[in-house]
């Protein structure tokens, strides 16, 4: 009996809006559970508000705007910061990479709680699930990536129904060992050529050592590879 009671309370602690929708569709009265869930969501929202206020970490993405158009000049600060010294061999390929590679805004869909906080972390590298676009209209569209990241986050947390074609993506987000990359279906892509995947981000590559409050982390893409853009290129200007 104790095991059954524990399982029931554990389910109540983790239940989501999607769980209750499924029960309701079976004809069950879940009104009491909805009240419990609403109270829990309110507590979560308040904690998130406090965390954002305490660990506010703004950025200045517009600082990257001069470097978005390609080919970019070798004389730009972006090129010098990303490319480093020219290699002895394959200089032409190296030059093409850093003058023609794409800047993309990665929207964080899922990340460890500590990655959002500017305090001592247990690990210096965190694995996050991110979404990003590679077409010109959406690659550096902050509004688009914020909307899509939020939609995927809500689906993965059971706060809204999974959009058609997103079932495998939501399974991937839940599976910590899945390192694959998946194309974002039209149901949520809004016409973008977009992808969802896990990314390893080093604290040293982030503004102030933790994720920006808006959840957008600029990356550099070239021929199937993707890496963080150094934070000093888009960090909020110091006073």
Protein backbone atom coordinates (compact mmCIF):
# COMPACT_ATOMS: atom_id res chain seq x y z
CA UNK A 1 0.00 0.00 0.00
CA UNK A 2 2.86 2.32 0.87
CA UNK A 3 4.47 1.74 -2.53
CA UNK A 4 1.24 2.57 -4.33
CA UNK A 5 0.80 5.75 -2.28
CA UNK A 6 4.39 6.78 -3.00
CA UNK A 7 3.93 6.16 -6.74
CA UNK A 8 0.74 8.25 -6.73
CA UNK A 9 2.37 11.17 -4.92
CA UNK A 10 5.40 10.97 -7.22
CA UNK A 11 3.09 11.13 -10.24
CA UNK A 12 1.31 14.16 -8.79
CA UNK A 13 4.66 15.86 -8.25
CA UNK A 14 5.67 15.36 -11.91
CA UNK A 15 2.31 15.58 -13.69
CA UNK A 16 2.03 17.94 -16.65
CA UNK A 17 -0.73 19.63 -18.59
CA UNK A 18 -0.42 16.98 -21.29
CA UNK A 19 -0.87 14.20 -18.72
CA UNK A 20 -4.09 15.76 -17.48
CA UNK A 21 -5.37 16.35 -21.01
CA UNK A 22 -4.98 12.63 -21.73
CA UNK A 23 -6.86 11.65 -18.57
CA UNK A 24 -9.59 14.17 -19.28
CA UNK A 25 -9.98 12.77 -22.79
CA UNK A 26 -10.77 9.42 -21.14
CA UNK A 27 -13.67 11.04 -19.29
CA UNK A 28 -11.96 11.47 -15.91
CA UNK A 29 -12.48 14.52 -13.71
CA UNK A 30 -9.06 16.10 -13.22
CA UNK A 31 -10.16 19.49 -11.91
CA UNK A 32 -8.51 18.94 -8.52
CA UNK A 33 -5.25 17.96 -10.20
CA UNK A 34 -5.42 21.04 -12.41
CA UNK A 35 -5.64 23.22 -9.32
CA UNK A 36 -2.58 21.48 -7.85
CA UNK A 37 -0.68 21.87 -11.11
CA UNK A 38 -1.63 25.56 -11.39
CA UNK A 39 -0.24 26.16 -7.89
CA UNK A 40 2.96 24.33 -8.77
CA UNK A 41 3.40 26.27 -12.01
CA UNK A 42 2.90 29.52 -10.11
CA UNK A 43 5.64 28.56 -7.64
CA UNK A 44 7.95 27.60 -10.51
CA UNK A 45 7.27 30.88 -12.33
CA UNK A 46 8.01 32.88 -9.19
CA UNK A 47 11.29 31.02 -8.64
CA UNK A 48 12.26 31.61 -12.26
CA UNK A 49 11.47 35.31 -11.87
CA UNK A 50 13.68 35.52 -8.80
CA UNK A 51 16.50 33.66 -10.52
CA UNK A 52 16.32 35.96 -13.57
CA UNK A 53 16.45 39.01 -11.33
CA UNK A 54 19.37 37.65 -9.35
CA UNK A 55 21.35 36.30 -12.29
CA UNK A 56 20.37 38.83 -14.96
CA UNK A 57 22.89 38.37 -17.77
CA UNK A 58 22.07 40.63 -20.75
CA UNK A 59 23.96 40.62 -24.03
CA UNK A 60 24.28 42.95 -27.01
CA UNK A 61 23.67 40.75 -30.05
CA UNK A 62 23.62 43.75 -32.39
CA UNK A 63 27.39 43.95 -31.95
CA UNK A 64 27.59 40.92 -34.25
CA UNK A 65 25.55 42.57 -37.02
CA UNK A 66 28.59 43.96 -38.93
CA UNK A 67 29.98 40.44 -39.24
CA UNK A 68 26.87 38.60 -40.45
CA UNK A 69 27.17 39.42 -44.17
CA UNK A 70 29.57 37.18 -46.08
CA UNK A 71 32.24 37.18 -47.26
CA UNK A 72 33.51 39.14 -44.27
CA UNK A 73 36.79 40.99 -44.22
CA UNK A 74 39.92 39.49 -42.71
CA UNK A 75 40.44 42.86 -41.04
CA UNK A 76 37.37 42.55 -38.81
CA UNK A 77 37.68 41.88 -35.12
CA UNK A 78 35.43 38.87 -35.62
CA UNK A 79 37.80 37.26 -38.13
CA UNK A 80 40.85 37.91 -35.99
CA UNK A 81 39.16 36.59 -32.84
CA UNK A 82 37.76 33.44 -34.46
CA UNK A 83 40.49 32.50 -36.94
CA UNK A 84 43.65 33.11 -34.96
CA UNK A 85 46.94 32.68 -36.81
CA UNK A 86 46.99 31.38 -40.36
CA UNK A 87 48.02 27.72 -40.63
CA UNK A 88 51.06 26.59 -42.59
CA UNK A 89 48.95 24.43 -44.87
CA UNK A 90 45.45 24.68 -46.40
CA UNK A 91 45.37 28.44 -46.01
CA UNK A 92 42.73 28.85 -48.71
CA UNK A 93 40.31 26.54 -46.88
CA UNK A 94 41.07 28.31 -43.60
CA UNK A 95 40.42 31.68 -45.22
CA UNK A 96 37.11 30.52 -46.71
CA UNK A 97 35.97 29.12 -43.39
CA UNK A 98 36.34 32.33 -41.45
CA UNK A 99 35.25 34.72 -44.19
CA UNK A 100 32.23 32.64 -45.33
CA UNK A 101 31.13 30.68 -42.24
CA UNK A 102 27.67 31.45 -40.83
CA UNK A 103 26.80 33.21 -37.61
CA UNK A 104 23.70 31.61 -36.09
CA UNK A 105 21.75 32.32 -32.93
CA UNK A 106 21.24 29.16 -30.88
CA UNK A 107 18.17 29.22 -28.66
CA UNK A 108 18.58 27.11 -25.53
CA UNK A 109 15.71 24.64 -25.18
CA UNK A 110 17.07 22.66 -22.25
CA UNK A 111 20.03 23.20 -19.93
CA UNK A 112 21.08 22.26 -16.39
CA UNK A 113 19.75 24.71 -13.79
CA UNK A 114 23.24 25.74 -12.69
CA UNK A 115 24.16 26.80 -16.25
CA UNK A 116 21.81 29.79 -15.82
CA UNK A 117 23.40 30.96 -12.58
CA UNK A 118 26.51 33.02 -12.01
CA UNK A 119 27.81 31.00 -9.11
CA UNK A 120 30.43 28.27 -8.74
CA UNK A 121 29.45 25.39 -11.00
CA UNK A 122 30.05 21.71 -10.37
CA UNK A 123 31.21 21.39 -13.97
CA UNK A 124 32.86 23.90 -16.31
CA UNK A 125 31.15 22.49 -19.39
CA UNK A 126 27.41 21.98 -19.76
CA UNK A 127 25.45 20.07 -22.37
CA UNK A 128 22.43 21.96 -23.65
CA UNK A 129 19.77 21.26 -26.25
CA UNK A 130 19.66 24.09 -28.76
CA UNK A 131 17.70 25.09 -31.85
CA UNK A 132 19.10 27.21 -34.67
CA UNK A 133 18.42 28.14 -38.30
CA UNK A 134 20.85 28.28 -41.21
CA UNK A 135 18.84 30.28 -43.75
CA UNK A 136 19.44 34.00 -44.16
CA UNK A 137 16.03 35.09 -42.89
CA UNK A 138 16.21 33.24 -39.57
CA UNK A 139 19.87 32.50 -38.70
CA UNK A 140 20.24 35.73 -36.70
CA UNK A 141 16.58 36.38 -35.95
CA UNK A 142 16.38 36.71 -32.16
CA UNK A 143 12.59 36.88 -32.13
CA UNK A 144 12.23 33.69 -34.16
CA UNK A 145 14.72 31.64 -32.17
CA UNK A 146 13.21 32.78 -28.85
CA UNK A 147 9.69 31.75 -29.96
CA UNK A 148 10.77 28.36 -31.28
CA UNK A 149 12.98 27.56 -28.27
CA UNK A 150 10.11 28.39 -25.92
CA UNK A 151 7.65 26.25 -27.90
CA UNK A 152 10.01 23.26 -27.85
CA UNK A 153 10.70 23.79 -24.14
CA UNK A 154 6.99 23.85 -23.35
CA UNK A 155 6.40 20.71 -25.41
CA UNK A 156 9.26 18.87 -23.72
CA UNK A 157 7.97 19.89 -20.27
CA UNK A 158 4.42 18.84 -21.08
CA UNK A 159 3.05 22.38 -20.89
CA UNK A 160 1.60 22.25 -24.39
CA UNK A 161 0.73 19.58 -26.91
CA UNK A 162 3.50 18.23 -29.09
CA UNK A 163 3.21 19.75 -32.56
CA UNK A 164 2.83 17.40 -35.54
CA UNK A 165 6.19 15.98 -36.60
CA UNK A 166 7.93 16.98 -33.36
CA UNK A 167 7.46 13.66 -31.54
CA UNK A 168 10.97 12.38 -32.30
CA UNK A 169 12.51 15.71 -31.35
CA UNK A 170 10.77 15.66 -27.96
CA UNK A 171 12.01 12.07 -27.44
CA UNK A 172 15.53 13.22 -28.32
CA UNK A 173 15.35 16.10 -25.83
CA UNK A 174 14.34 13.64 -23.10
CA UNK A 175 17.13 11.17 -23.98
CA UNK A 176 20.35 12.57 -22.47
CA UNK A 177 22.43 10.16 -24.55
CA UNK A 178 21.01 11.20 -27.92
CA UNK A 179 23.63 13.32 -29.72
CA UNK A 180 21.89 13.36 -33.08
CA UNK A 181 20.79 16.38 -35.06
CA UNK A 182 17.18 16.65 -36.23
CA UNK A 183 15.56 18.97 -38.72
CA UNK A 184 12.80 21.12 -37.28
CA UNK A 185 9.44 20.27 -38.89
CA UNK A 186 7.37 22.90 -40.68
CA UNK A 187 4.77 22.84 -37.89
CA UNK A 188 7.04 25.00 -35.75
CA UNK A 189 9.84 26.11 -38.12
CA UNK A 190 7.87 29.06 -39.56
CA UNK A 191 9.54 28.54 -42.92
CA UNK A 192 13.08 28.32 -41.53
CA UNK A 193 15.71 25.71 -42.34
CA UNK A 194 16.34 24.78 -38.74
CA UNK A 195 17.84 22.06 -36.58
CA UNK A 196 17.79 20.79 -32.99
CA UNK A 197 20.79 19.13 -31.34
CA UNK A 198 22.87 18.84 -28.19
CA UNK A 199 25.81 21.19 -27.78
CA UNK A 200 28.62 21.26 -25.23
CA UNK A 201 29.26 24.79 -24.00
CA UNK A 202 32.21 25.80 -21.87
CA UNK A 203 31.51 28.41 -19.18
CA UNK A 204 34.54 30.37 -20.40
CA UNK A 205 32.80 30.93 -23.73
CA UNK A 206 29.78 32.59 -22.11
CA UNK A 207 29.22 36.15 -20.87
CA UNK A 208 30.19 36.23 -17.19
CA UNK A 209 30.56 32.44 -17.26
CA UNK A 210 26.89 31.48 -17.52
CA UNK A 211 23.99 31.44 -20.00
CA UNK A 212 22.50 34.77 -21.11
CA UNK A 213 19.11 35.58 -19.63
CA UNK A 214 17.45 35.54 -23.07
CA UNK A 215 18.78 32.02 -23.72
CA UNK A 216 20.46 32.97 -27.01
CA UNK A 217 24.06 31.84 -27.53
CA UNK A 218 25.64 32.85 -30.88
CA UNK A 219 27.54 30.10 -32.68
CA UNK A 220 29.67 29.80 -35.80
CA UNK A 221 28.77 27.18 -38.44
CA UNK A 222 30.93 25.79 -41.19
CA UNK A 223 30.53 22.57 -43.19
CA UNK A 224 28.67 20.63 -40.52
CA UNK A 225 30.68 21.95 -37.57
CA UNK A 226 29.41 24.39 -34.96
CA UNK A 227 31.22 26.23 -32.16
CA UNK A 228 30.55 29.00 -29.68
CA UNK A 229 31.41 32.55 -30.62
CA UNK A 230 33.56 34.18 -27.89
CA UNK A 231 31.42 36.17 -25.48
CA UNK A 232 33.49 39.33 -25.74
CA UNK A 233 32.18 39.80 -29.30
CA UNK A 234 28.57 40.21 -28.15
CA UNK A 235 28.71 40.80 -24.39
CA UNK A 236 26.88 43.73 -22.84
CA UNK A 237 29.25 46.73 -22.88
CA UNK A 238 30.80 47.35 -19.48
CA UNK A 239 30.22 50.74 -17.87
